[in-house]
Amino acid sequence: MSEFKRMVAGELYKASKVEPEYKPDNNRALNQEINQLNLLDTEKIVALEKELFGQTGDELFVNPPLYIDYGKNTRIGQRFYANMDCIFLDVASITIGDDVMFGPRVSLITASHPIDAGVRQRGLEYGKAITIGNRVWLGAGVIVNPGVTIGENTIVGSGTVVTKNLPENVIAVGNPARILREITDSDRLYWEEKENEYYEK
């Protein structure tokens, strides 16, 4: 198995051997170009982001600056929005569903290192895939650790560190993340009433 295939499969690999094989320089140049564009040039930003990521829906906007390791290992669904300063450390795959929103400085970190200091010092590392379900909202400064799946409709509060999977339809907060409560029909009714009031004014 090639070093790159070991990396994306979640096996131990050496980063120093991946880069000559995978040649990520073009993606990193795209990332840098996006971050240097005028923020009003949204058409160019979106076009380059669609080239940078492995897959996107028709509608997306990742507000620069953004920081990405490989790019092609990140697949994004329809109608994605991320605020500024987000990090996609995608040595393993990152999969983001439809209608997902990120606050500023959200970090998706698939990369990890062995617990043993000797093995770690000798340069071996690994990654575990991250999956974000449909209609998830990650608040400002959320960190998602390697191997985590977040279920549909879930909200993760600002500053939360997600170390384990979260189910669908919950609000989670804290470090490490804990489930605060479920999202219920009463939440939907309350916010639909507020929405109706908005349109009536």
N, C-alpha and C. Protein backbone atom coordinates (compact mmCIF):
# COMPACT_ATOMS: atom_id res chain seq x y z
N MET A 1 0.86 -1.20 0.00
CA MET A 1 0.00 0.00 0.00
C MET A 1 0.89 1.25 0.00
N SER A 2 0.55 2.23 -0.83
CA SER A 2 1.35 3.46 -0.89
C SER A 2 1.17 4.25 0.40
N GLU A 3 2.11 5.15 0.65
CA GLU A 3 2.05 5.95 1.88
C GLU A 3 0.79 6.81 1.91
N PHE A 4 0.41 7.38 0.77
CA PHE A 4 -0.81 8.20 0.71
C PHE A 4 -2.04 7.35 1.01
N LYS A 5 -2.12 6.15 0.43
CA LYS A 5 -3.27 5.27 0.69
C LYS A 5 -3.32 4.84 2.15
N ARG A 6 -2.15 4.63 2.76
CA ARG A 6 -2.12 4.33 4.19
C ARG A 6 -2.69 5.50 4.99
N MET A 7 -2.33 6.71 4.59
CA MET A 7 -2.79 7.90 5.30
C MET A 7 -4.31 8.01 5.26
N VAL A 8 -4.90 7.94 4.08
CA VAL A 8 -6.35 8.15 3.97
C VAL A 8 -7.14 6.96 4.52
N ALA A 9 -6.47 5.81 4.69
CA ALA A 9 -7.14 4.63 5.26
C ALA A 9 -7.07 4.59 6.78
N GLY A 10 -6.40 5.58 7.39
CA GLY A 10 -6.30 5.60 8.84
C GLY A 10 -5.21 4.73 9.40
N GLU A 11 -4.27 4.29 8.55
CA GLU A 11 -3.14 3.47 9.00
C GLU A 11 -1.96 4.38 9.36
N LEU A 12 -0.99 3.82 10.08
CA LEU A 12 0.23 4.58 10.36
C LEU A 12 0.94 4.92 9.05
N TYR A 13 1.49 6.15 8.99
CA TYR A 13 2.22 6.58 7.80
C TYR A 13 3.25 7.63 8.21
N LYS A 14 4.15 7.94 7.28
CA LYS A 14 5.13 9.01 7.49
C LYS A 14 4.79 10.16 6.56
N ALA A 15 4.52 11.33 7.16
CA ALA A 15 4.15 12.49 6.35
C ALA A 15 5.25 12.86 5.37
N SER A 16 6.49 12.65 5.75
CA SER A 16 7.61 13.01 4.87
C SER A 16 7.62 12.19 3.59
N LYS A 17 6.97 11.02 3.61
CA LYS A 17 6.89 10.19 2.41
C LYS A 17 5.62 10.47 1.60
N VAL A 18 4.58 11.02 2.25
CA VAL A 18 3.31 11.27 1.56
C VAL A 18 3.45 12.41 0.56
N GLU A 19 4.08 13.49 0.98
CA GLU A 19 4.07 14.70 0.16
C GLU A 19 4.77 14.51 -1.19
N PRO A 20 5.93 13.86 -1.27
CA PRO A 20 6.52 13.64 -2.60
C PRO A 20 5.61 12.81 -3.50
N GLU A 21 4.84 11.89 -2.91
CA GLU A 21 3.94 11.02 -3.68
C GLU A 21 2.69 11.77 -4.12
N TYR A 22 2.10 12.54 -3.17
CA TYR A 22 0.80 13.16 -3.43
C TYR A 22 0.92 14.53 -4.08
N LYS A 23 2.02 15.21 -3.85
CA LYS A 23 2.28 16.54 -4.43
C LYS A 23 1.13 17.52 -4.16
N PRO A 24 0.95 17.91 -2.88
CA PRO A 24 -0.16 18.81 -2.54
C PRO A 24 0.11 20.29 -2.81
N ASP A 25 1.23 20.60 -3.47
CA ASP A 25 1.61 22.00 -3.63
C ASP A 25 0.54 22.82 -4.34
N ASN A 26 -0.13 22.23 -5.36
CA ASN A 26 -1.15 22.97 -6.10
C ASN A 26 -2.30 23.37 -5.18
N ASN A 27 -2.73 22.45 -4.32
CA ASN A 27 -3.82 22.75 -3.39
C ASN A 27 -3.42 23.83 -2.41
N ARG A 28 -2.19 23.78 -1.95
CA ARG A 28 -1.73 24.79 -0.99
C ARG A 28 -1.61 26.15 -1.65
N ALA A 29 -1.23 26.15 -2.93
CA ALA A 29 -1.19 27.41 -3.66
C ALA A 29 -2.60 27.98 -3.84
N LEU A 30 -3.59 27.09 -4.12
CA LEU A 30 -4.99 27.52 -4.21
C LEU A 30 -5.46 28.12 -2.89
N ASN A 31 -5.13 27.44 -1.80
CA ASN A 31 -5.51 27.92 -0.47
C ASN A 31 -4.95 29.32 -0.23
N GLN A 32 -3.68 29.50 -0.58
CA GLN A 32 -3.05 30.81 -0.39
C GLN A 32 -3.70 31.87 -1.28
N GLU A 33 -4.00 31.49 -2.52
CA GLU A 33 -4.64 32.45 -3.43
C GLU A 33 -6.00 32.89 -2.90
N ILE A 34 -6.81 31.95 -2.40
CA ILE A 34 -8.11 32.28 -1.82
C ILE A 34 -7.95 33.29 -0.69
N ASN A 35 -6.97 33.05 0.18
CA ASN A 35 -6.79 33.91 1.35
C ASN A 35 -6.28 35.30 1.00
N GLN A 36 -5.77 35.46 -0.21
CA GLN A 36 -5.25 36.77 -0.62
C GLN A 36 -6.23 37.57 -1.48
N LEU A 37 -7.38 36.96 -1.82
CA LEU A 37 -8.36 37.65 -2.65
C LEU A 37 -9.11 38.73 -1.87
N ASN A 38 -9.61 39.71 -2.60
CA ASN A 38 -10.53 40.69 -2.02
C ASN A 38 -11.79 39.97 -1.57
N LEU A 39 -12.22 40.19 -0.34
CA LEU A 39 -13.38 39.48 0.20
C LEU A 39 -14.67 39.78 -0.57
N LEU A 40 -14.68 40.85 -1.36
CA LEU A 40 -15.85 41.18 -2.16
C LEU A 40 -15.90 40.37 -3.46
N ASP A 41 -14.80 39.71 -3.79
CA ASP A 41 -14.75 38.92 -5.03
C ASP A 41 -15.27 37.51 -4.75
N THR A 42 -16.54 37.43 -4.38
CA THR A 42 -17.10 36.14 -3.93
C THR A 42 -17.15 35.10 -5.05
N GLU A 43 -17.39 35.53 -6.28
CA GLU A 43 -17.46 34.56 -7.39
C GLU A 43 -16.12 33.84 -7.55
N LYS A 44 -15.02 34.58 -7.50
CA LYS A 44 -13.69 33.98 -7.63
C LYS A 44 -13.38 33.09 -6.44
N ILE A 45 -13.74 33.55 -5.24
CA ILE A 45 -13.51 32.76 -4.04
C ILE A 45 -14.22 31.41 -4.15
N VAL A 46 -15.49 31.43 -4.51
CA VAL A 46 -16.28 30.20 -4.61
C VAL A 46 -15.71 29.28 -5.70
N ALA A 47 -15.34 29.85 -6.83
CA ALA A 47 -14.79 29.03 -7.91
C ALA A 47 -13.52 28.31 -7.48
N LEU A 48 -12.65 29.01 -6.76
CA LEU A 48 -11.41 28.39 -6.30
C LEU A 48 -11.68 27.37 -5.19
N GLU A 49 -12.66 27.65 -4.34
CA GLU A 49 -13.01 26.69 -3.28
C GLU A 49 -13.56 25.40 -3.88
N LYS A 50 -14.33 25.51 -4.94
CA LYS A 50 -14.83 24.30 -5.60
C LYS A 50 -13.69 23.49 -6.22
N GLU A 51 -12.63 24.16 -6.61
CA GLU A 51 -11.45 23.47 -7.13
C GLU A 51 -10.61 22.88 -6.00
N LEU A 52 -10.59 23.56 -4.86
CA LEU A 52 -9.76 23.16 -3.73
C LEU A 52 -10.27 21.89 -3.04
N PHE A 53 -11.59 21.86 -2.78
CA PHE A 53 -12.16 20.72 -2.06
C PHE A 53 -12.39 19.53 -3.00
N GLY A 54 -12.41 18.33 -2.42
CA GLY A 54 -12.60 17.13 -3.23
C GLY A 54 -13.96 17.06 -3.88
N GLN A 55 -14.98 17.59 -3.18
CA GLN A 55 -16.34 17.61 -3.72
C GLN A 55 -17.11 18.70 -2.99
N THR A 56 -17.98 19.41 -3.72
CA THR A 56 -18.84 20.42 -3.10
C THR A 56 -20.21 20.37 -3.76
N GLY A 57 -21.19 20.94 -3.08
CA GLY A 57 -22.47 21.19 -3.72
C GLY A 57 -22.38 22.42 -4.60
N ASP A 58 -23.50 22.77 -5.24
CA ASP A 58 -23.52 23.95 -6.10
C ASP A 58 -23.34 25.23 -5.30
N GLU A 59 -23.90 25.27 -4.09
CA GLU A 59 -23.84 26.47 -3.28
C GLU A 59 -22.96 26.23 -2.06
N LEU A 60 -21.91 27.04 -1.95
CA LEU A 60 -21.09 27.03 -0.75
C LEU A 60 -20.38 28.36 -0.62
N PHE A 61 -19.98 28.67 0.59
CA PHE A 61 -19.08 29.81 0.80
C PHE A 61 -18.32 29.58 2.09
N VAL A 62 -17.02 29.46 1.96
CA VAL A 62 -16.13 29.36 3.12
C VAL A 62 -15.42 30.70 3.20
N ASN A 63 -15.74 31.46 4.21
CA ASN A 63 -15.26 32.84 4.32
C ASN A 63 -13.77 32.85 4.62
N PRO A 64 -12.94 33.41 3.72
CA PRO A 64 -11.51 33.47 3.99
C PRO A 64 -11.21 34.36 5.21
N PRO A 65 -10.08 34.12 5.88
CA PRO A 65 -9.11 33.08 5.56
C PRO A 65 -9.59 31.69 5.99
N LEU A 66 -9.14 30.69 5.24
CA LEU A 66 -9.37 29.30 5.59
C LEU A 66 -8.05 28.57 5.48
N TYR A 67 -7.95 27.47 6.19
CA TYR A 67 -6.69 26.72 6.23
C TYR A 67 -7.01 25.24 6.01
N ILE A 68 -6.34 24.65 5.03
CA ILE A 68 -6.64 23.26 4.68
C ILE A 68 -5.34 22.53 4.40
N ASP A 69 -5.31 21.25 4.77
CA ASP A 69 -4.09 20.47 4.60
C ASP A 69 -3.99 19.92 3.19
N TYR A 70 -4.95 19.09 2.78
CA TYR A 70 -4.91 18.50 1.44
C TYR A 70 -6.05 18.99 0.54
N GLY A 71 -7.22 19.19 1.10
CA GLY A 71 -8.34 19.70 0.29
C GLY A 71 -9.13 18.62 -0.40
N LYS A 72 -8.44 17.79 -1.16
CA LYS A 72 -9.14 16.76 -1.94
C LYS A 72 -9.76 15.68 -1.05
N ASN A 73 -9.34 15.61 0.19
CA ASN A 73 -9.90 14.62 1.11
C ASN A 73 -11.13 15.14 1.86
N THR A 74 -11.58 16.34 1.51
CA THR A 74 -12.76 16.94 2.15
C THR A 74 -13.89 17.02 1.13
N ARG A 75 -15.05 16.39 1.48
CA ARG A 75 -16.21 16.39 0.60
C ARG A 75 -17.36 17.08 1.32
N ILE A 76 -17.98 18.02 0.61
CA ILE A 76 -18.98 18.92 1.21
C ILE A 76 -20.28 18.82 0.44
N GLY A 77 -21.41 18.79 1.15
CA GLY A 77 -22.72 18.70 0.53
C GLY A 77 -23.25 20.05 0.06
N GLN A 78 -24.55 20.13 -0.11
CA GLN A 78 -25.20 21.32 -0.65
C GLN A 78 -25.32 22.42 0.42
N ARG A 79 -25.24 23.67 -0.05
CA ARG A 79 -25.56 24.86 0.76
C ARG A 79 -24.74 24.93 2.05
N PHE A 80 -23.43 24.84 1.90
CA PHE A 80 -22.52 24.89 3.05
C PHE A 80 -22.04 26.31 3.26
N TYR A 81 -22.01 26.72 4.54
CA TYR A 81 -21.42 28.03 4.89
C TYR A 81 -20.50 27.87 6.08
N ALA A 82 -19.30 28.41 5.96
CA ALA A 82 -18.37 28.47 7.08
C ALA A 82 -17.86 29.89 7.23
N ASN A 83 -17.85 30.38 8.45
CA ASN A 83 -17.32 31.71 8.73
C ASN A 83 -15.79 31.65 8.70
N MET A 84 -15.15 32.78 8.95
CA MET A 84 -13.71 32.92 8.75
C MET A 84 -12.87 32.06 9.71
N ASP A 85 -11.63 31.80 9.26
CA ASP A 85 -10.59 31.20 10.10
C ASP A 85 -10.81 29.73 10.41
N CYS A 86 -11.52 28.99 9.56
CA CYS A 86 -11.76 27.57 9.82
C CYS A 86 -10.57 26.74 9.33
N ILE A 87 -10.38 25.59 9.99
CA ILE A 87 -9.27 24.68 9.68
C ILE A 87 -9.84 23.31 9.30
N PHE A 88 -9.38 22.79 8.16
CA PHE A 88 -9.75 21.45 7.70
C PHE A 88 -8.45 20.64 7.60
N LEU A 89 -8.11 19.91 8.66
CA LEU A 89 -6.88 19.11 8.66
C LEU A 89 -7.26 17.71 8.19
N ASP A 90 -7.26 17.54 6.86
CA ASP A 90 -7.88 16.37 6.24
C ASP A 90 -6.88 15.32 5.75
N VAL A 91 -6.03 14.83 6.66
CA VAL A 91 -5.17 13.71 6.27
C VAL A 91 -6.01 12.45 6.07
N ALA A 92 -7.10 12.32 6.82
CA ALA A 92 -8.13 11.33 6.55
C ALA A 92 -9.35 12.08 6.02
N SER A 93 -10.37 11.36 5.59
CA SER A 93 -11.49 12.03 4.93
C SER A 93 -12.34 12.84 5.91
N ILE A 94 -12.79 13.98 5.43
CA ILE A 94 -13.80 14.80 6.11
C ILE A 94 -15.02 14.81 5.19
N THR A 95 -16.17 14.42 5.75
CA THR A 95 -17.42 14.42 4.99
C THR A 95 -18.40 15.32 5.71
N ILE A 96 -18.91 16.32 4.98
CA ILE A 96 -19.84 17.31 5.53
C ILE A 96 -21.14 17.22 4.75
N GLY A 97 -22.26 17.09 5.45
CA GLY A 97 -23.55 16.91 4.79
C GLY A 97 -24.13 18.18 4.21
N ASP A 98 -25.42 18.15 3.91
CA ASP A 98 -26.12 19.29 3.34
C ASP A 98 -26.55 20.28 4.43
N ASP A 99 -26.62 21.56 4.05
CA ASP A 99 -27.17 22.61 4.90
C ASP A 99 -26.45 22.72 6.24
N VAL A 100 -25.13 22.59 6.21
CA VAL A 100 -24.30 22.67 7.41
C VAL A 100 -23.74 24.09 7.53
N MET A 101 -23.64 24.56 8.79
CA MET A 101 -23.11 25.90 9.07
C MET A 101 -22.00 25.80 10.12
N PHE A 102 -20.89 26.52 9.86
CA PHE A 102 -19.79 26.62 10.83
C PHE A 102 -19.65 28.07 11.25
N GLY A 103 -19.48 28.30 12.54
CA GLY A 103 -19.07 29.61 13.02
C GLY A 103 -17.58 29.82 12.75
N PRO A 104 -17.04 30.99 13.15
CA PRO A 104 -15.62 31.25 12.93
C PRO A 104 -14.74 30.32 13.76
N ARG A 105 -13.57 30.02 13.22
CA ARG A 105 -12.52 29.26 13.90
C ARG A 105 -12.93 27.85 14.30
N VAL A 106 -13.78 27.23 13.50
CA VAL A 106 -14.08 25.80 13.68
C VAL A 106 -12.89 25.01 13.14
N SER A 107 -12.49 23.98 13.87
CA SER A 107 -11.37 23.13 13.46
C SER A 107 -11.81 21.68 13.36
N LEU A 108 -11.64 21.09 12.19
CA LEU A 108 -11.88 19.67 11.98
C LEU A 108 -10.51 18.99 11.86
N ILE A 109 -10.14 18.21 12.87
CA ILE A 109 -8.78 17.69 12.97
C ILE A 109 -8.82 16.17 12.84
N THR A 110 -8.49 15.65 11.65
CA THR A 110 -8.46 14.19 11.49
C THR A 110 -7.11 13.60 11.89
N ALA A 111 -6.07 14.41 11.98
CA ALA A 111 -4.71 13.92 12.23
C ALA A 111 -4.48 13.62 13.70
N SER A 112 -3.71 12.55 13.96
CA SER A 112 -3.33 12.22 15.33
C SER A 112 -1.96 11.57 15.33
N HIS A 113 -1.45 11.34 16.54
CA HIS A 113 -0.11 10.79 16.71
C HIS A 113 -0.13 9.68 17.76
N PRO A 114 0.79 8.71 17.66
CA PRO A 114 0.83 7.62 18.63
C PRO A 114 1.03 8.12 20.06
N ILE A 115 0.45 7.42 21.02
CA ILE A 115 0.62 7.78 22.43
C ILE A 115 2.06 7.55 22.87
N ASP A 116 2.69 6.49 22.36
CA ASP A 116 4.08 6.22 22.74
C ASP A 116 5.02 7.27 22.17
N ALA A 117 5.81 7.89 23.05
CA ALA A 117 6.68 9.00 22.65
C ALA A 117 7.75 8.55 21.66
N GLY A 118 8.27 7.33 21.82
CA GLY A 118 9.31 6.87 20.92
C GLY A 118 8.82 6.70 19.49
N VAL A 119 7.66 6.05 19.34
CA VAL A 119 7.07 5.86 18.00
C VAL A 119 6.72 7.22 17.41
N ARG A 120 6.16 8.09 18.23
CA ARG A 120 5.78 9.43 17.78
C ARG A 120 7.02 10.20 17.30
N GLN A 121 8.10 10.12 18.07
CA GLN A 121 9.32 10.85 17.75
C GLN A 121 9.96 10.34 16.46
N ARG A 122 9.72 9.05 16.15
CA ARG A 122 10.29 8.48 14.92
C ARG A 122 9.45 8.81 13.68
N GLY A 123 8.43 9.64 13.85
CA GLY A 123 7.76 10.24 12.70
C GLY A 123 6.52 9.56 12.19
N LEU A 124 6.03 8.52 12.88
CA LEU A 124 4.80 7.89 12.43
C LEU A 124 3.59 8.62 12.98
N GLU A 125 2.56 8.74 12.16
CA GLU A 125 1.31 9.38 12.56
C GLU A 125 0.16 8.66 11.86
N TYR A 126 -1.07 9.08 12.17
CA TYR A 126 -2.23 8.47 11.54
C TYR A 126 -3.39 9.46 11.57
N GLY A 127 -4.45 9.14 10.85
CA GLY A 127 -5.65 9.98 10.85
C GLY A 127 -6.90 9.13 10.96
N LYS A 128 -7.98 9.74 11.45
CA LYS A 128 -9.28 9.08 11.52
C LYS A 128 -10.33 10.02 10.93
N ALA A 129 -11.22 9.47 10.11
CA ALA A 129 -12.20 10.27 9.36
C ALA A 129 -13.18 10.98 10.29
N ILE A 130 -13.64 12.14 9.85
CA ILE A 130 -14.67 12.93 10.54
C ILE A 130 -15.88 13.01 9.62
N THR A 131 -17.07 12.82 10.20
CA THR A 131 -18.32 12.94 9.44
C THR A 131 -19.25 13.90 10.16
N ILE A 132 -19.73 14.90 9.43
CA ILE A 132 -20.68 15.89 9.95
C ILE A 132 -22.00 15.69 9.20
N GLY A 133 -23.08 15.40 9.94
CA GLY A 133 -24.36 15.11 9.31
C GLY A 133 -25.07 16.32 8.75
N ASN A 134 -26.18 16.08 8.06
CA ASN A 134 -26.97 17.17 7.47
C ASN A 134 -27.50 18.13 8.54
N ARG A 135 -27.53 19.40 8.19
CA ARG A 135 -28.14 20.46 9.01
C ARG A 135 -27.50 20.63 10.38
N VAL A 136 -26.23 20.28 10.49
CA VAL A 136 -25.49 20.50 11.73
C VAL A 136 -25.01 21.95 11.79
N TRP A 137 -25.00 22.52 12.98
CA TRP A 137 -24.46 23.87 13.21
C TRP A 137 -23.38 23.76 14.27
N LEU A 138 -22.15 24.11 13.89
CA LEU A 138 -21.02 24.16 14.83
C LEU A 138 -20.74 25.61 15.16
N GLY A 139 -20.80 25.96 16.44
CA GLY A 139 -20.58 27.34 16.86
C GLY A 139 -19.11 27.74 16.79
N ALA A 140 -18.84 29.00 17.10
CA ALA A 140 -17.49 29.55 17.00
C ALA A 140 -16.51 28.76 17.86
N GLY A 141 -15.35 28.46 17.28
CA GLY A 141 -14.27 27.84 18.04
C GLY A 141 -14.45 26.38 18.38
N VAL A 142 -15.40 25.71 17.77
CA VAL A 142 -15.59 24.27 18.02
C VAL A 142 -14.40 23.50 17.44
N ILE A 143 -13.92 22.52 18.20
CA ILE A 143 -12.86 21.62 17.73
C ILE A 143 -13.45 20.21 17.66
N VAL A 144 -13.35 19.59 16.49
CA VAL A 144 -13.81 18.22 16.30
C VAL A 144 -12.58 17.33 16.15
N ASN A 145 -12.45 16.35 17.04
CA ASN A 145 -11.27 15.50 17.08
C ASN A 145 -11.36 14.34 16.09
N PRO A 146 -10.23 13.63 15.86
CA PRO A 146 -10.21 12.54 14.89
C PRO A 146 -11.24 11.46 15.19
N GLY A 147 -11.86 10.95 14.12
CA GLY A 147 -12.76 9.81 14.22
C GLY A 147 -14.17 10.11 14.67
N VAL A 148 -14.52 11.39 14.83
CA VAL A 148 -15.83 11.78 15.37
C VAL A 148 -16.89 11.86 14.27
N THR A 149 -18.10 11.40 14.59
CA THR A 149 -19.28 11.59 13.75
C THR A 149 -20.29 12.41 14.55
N ILE A 150 -20.85 13.43 13.90
CA ILE A 150 -21.88 14.27 14.52
C ILE A 150 -23.18 14.06 13.74
N GLY A 151 -24.24 13.67 14.46
CA GLY A 151 -25.50 13.31 13.82
C GLY A 151 -26.28 14.50 13.30
N GLU A 152 -27.27 14.22 12.45
CA GLU A 152 -28.07 15.25 11.78
C GLU A 152 -28.74 16.19 12.78
N ASN A 153 -28.84 17.46 12.38
CA ASN A 153 -29.57 18.51 13.10
C ASN A 153 -28.94 18.93 14.41
N THR A 154 -27.83 18.34 14.78
CA THR A 154 -27.21 18.63 16.08
C THR A 154 -26.54 20.00 16.06
N ILE A 155 -26.60 20.68 17.21
CA ILE A 155 -25.95 21.97 17.41
C ILE A 155 -24.84 21.78 18.44
N VAL A 156 -23.66 22.30 18.13
CA VAL A 156 -22.53 22.22 19.05
C VAL A 156 -22.15 23.64 19.43
N GLY A 157 -22.21 23.94 20.75
CA GLY A 157 -22.01 25.30 21.24
C GLY A 157 -20.59 25.79 21.10
N SER A 158 -20.43 27.10 21.11
CA SER A 158 -19.13 27.75 20.94
C SER A 158 -18.10 27.22 21.93
N GLY A 159 -16.88 26.99 21.44
CA GLY A 159 -15.78 26.57 22.28
C GLY A 159 -15.78 25.11 22.69
N THR A 160 -16.71 24.34 22.18
CA THR A 160 -16.82 22.93 22.56
C THR A 160 -15.71 22.10 21.90
N VAL A 161 -15.20 21.12 22.63
CA VAL A 161 -14.23 20.16 22.08
C VAL A 161 -14.93 18.81 21.98
N VAL A 162 -15.14 18.34 20.76
CA VAL A 162 -15.90 17.11 20.52
C VAL A 162 -14.91 15.96 20.38
N THR A 163 -14.88 15.09 21.39
CA THR A 163 -13.93 13.97 21.42
C THR A 163 -14.58 12.64 21.09
N LYS A 164 -15.93 12.57 21.16
CA LYS A 164 -16.66 11.34 20.88
C LYS A 164 -17.87 11.66 20.00
N ASN A 165 -18.43 10.62 19.38
CA ASN A 165 -19.59 10.80 18.51
C ASN A 165 -20.74 11.47 19.26
N LEU A 166 -21.49 12.29 18.52
CA LEU A 166 -22.71 12.91 19.05
C LEU A 166 -23.89 12.41 18.23
N PRO A 167 -25.02 12.11 18.88
CA PRO A 167 -26.20 11.63 18.14
C PRO A 167 -26.88 12.78 17.41
N GLU A 168 -27.92 12.46 16.66
CA GLU A 168 -28.68 13.50 15.97
C GLU A 168 -29.62 14.21 16.95
N ASN A 169 -30.02 15.43 16.57
CA ASN A 169 -31.06 16.19 17.28
C ASN A 169 -30.75 16.49 18.74
N VAL A 170 -29.48 16.89 19.02
CA VAL A 170 -29.14 17.32 20.37
C VAL A 170 -28.37 18.63 20.32
N ILE A 171 -28.30 19.28 21.50
CA ILE A 171 -27.42 20.43 21.70
C ILE A 171 -26.31 19.95 22.63
N ALA A 172 -25.05 20.14 22.21
CA ALA A 172 -23.90 19.70 23.00
C ALA A 172 -22.98 20.88 23.27
N VAL A 173 -22.41 20.90 24.48
CA VAL A 173 -21.52 21.99 24.89
C VAL A 173 -20.40 21.42 25.76
N GLY A 174 -19.34 22.20 25.93
CA GLY A 174 -18.33 21.88 26.93
C GLY A 174 -17.07 21.26 26.40
N ASN A 175 -16.15 21.00 27.34
CA ASN A 175 -14.86 20.40 27.03
C ASN A 175 -14.55 19.36 28.10
N PRO A 176 -14.71 18.05 27.75
CA PRO A 176 -15.19 17.54 26.46
C PRO A 176 -16.69 17.73 26.30
N ALA A 177 -17.17 17.61 25.08
CA ALA A 177 -18.58 17.86 24.78
C ALA A 177 -19.48 16.94 25.60
N ARG A 178 -20.55 17.51 26.11
CA ARG A 178 -21.59 16.72 26.77
C ARG A 178 -22.93 17.17 26.19
N ILE A 179 -23.89 16.27 26.18
CA ILE A 179 -25.20 16.60 25.64
C ILE A 179 -25.95 17.43 26.67
N LEU A 180 -26.33 18.63 26.28
CA LEU A 180 -27.09 19.52 27.15
C LEU A 180 -28.56 19.13 27.17
N ARG A 181 -29.11 18.91 25.97
CA ARG A 181 -30.51 18.48 25.87
C ARG A 181 -30.82 18.07 24.45
N GLU A 182 -32.00 17.47 24.27
CA GLU A 182 -32.48 17.14 22.93
C GLU A 182 -33.13 18.36 22.30
N ILE A 183 -33.15 18.39 20.98
CA ILE A 183 -33.91 19.39 20.23
C ILE A 183 -35.30 18.80 20.01
N THR A 184 -36.35 19.54 20.38
CA THR A 184 -37.71 18.99 20.41
C THR A 184 -38.64 19.76 19.47
N ASP A 185 -39.88 19.27 19.37
CA ASP A 185 -40.90 19.96 18.58
C ASP A 185 -41.21 21.33 19.16
N SER A 186 -41.07 21.50 20.45
CA SER A 186 -41.34 22.82 21.05
C SER A 186 -40.33 23.86 20.54
N ASP A 187 -39.09 23.43 20.28
CA ASP A 187 -38.11 24.34 19.68
C ASP A 187 -38.56 24.77 18.29
N ARG A 188 -39.02 23.80 17.50
CA ARG A 188 -39.49 24.11 16.15
C ARG A 188 -40.67 25.08 16.19
N LEU A 189 -41.64 24.80 17.05
CA LEU A 189 -42.83 25.66 17.14
C LEU A 189 -42.47 27.07 17.58
N TYR A 190 -41.57 27.18 18.55
CA TYR A 190 -41.15 28.50 19.03
C TYR A 190 -40.51 29.31 17.91
N TRP A 191 -39.58 28.68 17.19
CA TRP A 191 -38.85 29.42 16.16
C TRP A 191 -39.70 29.66 14.91
N GLU A 192 -40.64 28.77 14.62
CA GLU A 192 -41.55 29.05 13.51
C GLU A 192 -42.47 30.22 13.84
N GLU A 193 -42.87 30.34 15.11
CA GLU A 193 -43.68 31.49 15.53
C GLU A 193 -42.88 32.78 15.38
N LYS A 194 -41.62 32.76 15.80
CA LYS A 194 -40.77 33.93 15.65
C LYS A 194 -40.57 34.27 14.17
N GLU A 195 -40.44 33.25 13.33
CA GLU A 195 -40.28 33.47 11.89
C GLU A 195 -41.54 34.12 11.32
N ASN A 196 -42.71 33.65 11.73
CA ASN A 196 -43.98 34.23 11.27
C ASN A 196 -44.11 35.69 11.69
N GLU A 197 -43.70 35.98 12.92
CA GLU A 197 -43.73 37.37 13.40
C GLU A 197 -42.84 38.26 12.55
N TYR A 198 -41.67 37.72 12.17
CA TYR A 198 -40.74 38.46 11.32
C TYR A 198 -41.40 38.85 9.99
N TYR A 199 -42.07 37.87 9.36
CA TYR A 199 -42.65 38.14 8.04
C TYR A 199 -43.92 38.97 8.11
N GLU A 200 -44.56 39.02 9.27
CA GLU A 200 -45.77 39.81 9.42
C GLU A 200 -45.48 41.30 9.61
N LYS A 201 -44.28 41.62 10.02
CA LYS A 201 -43.94 43.03 10.30
C LYS A 201 -43.59 43.78 9.01
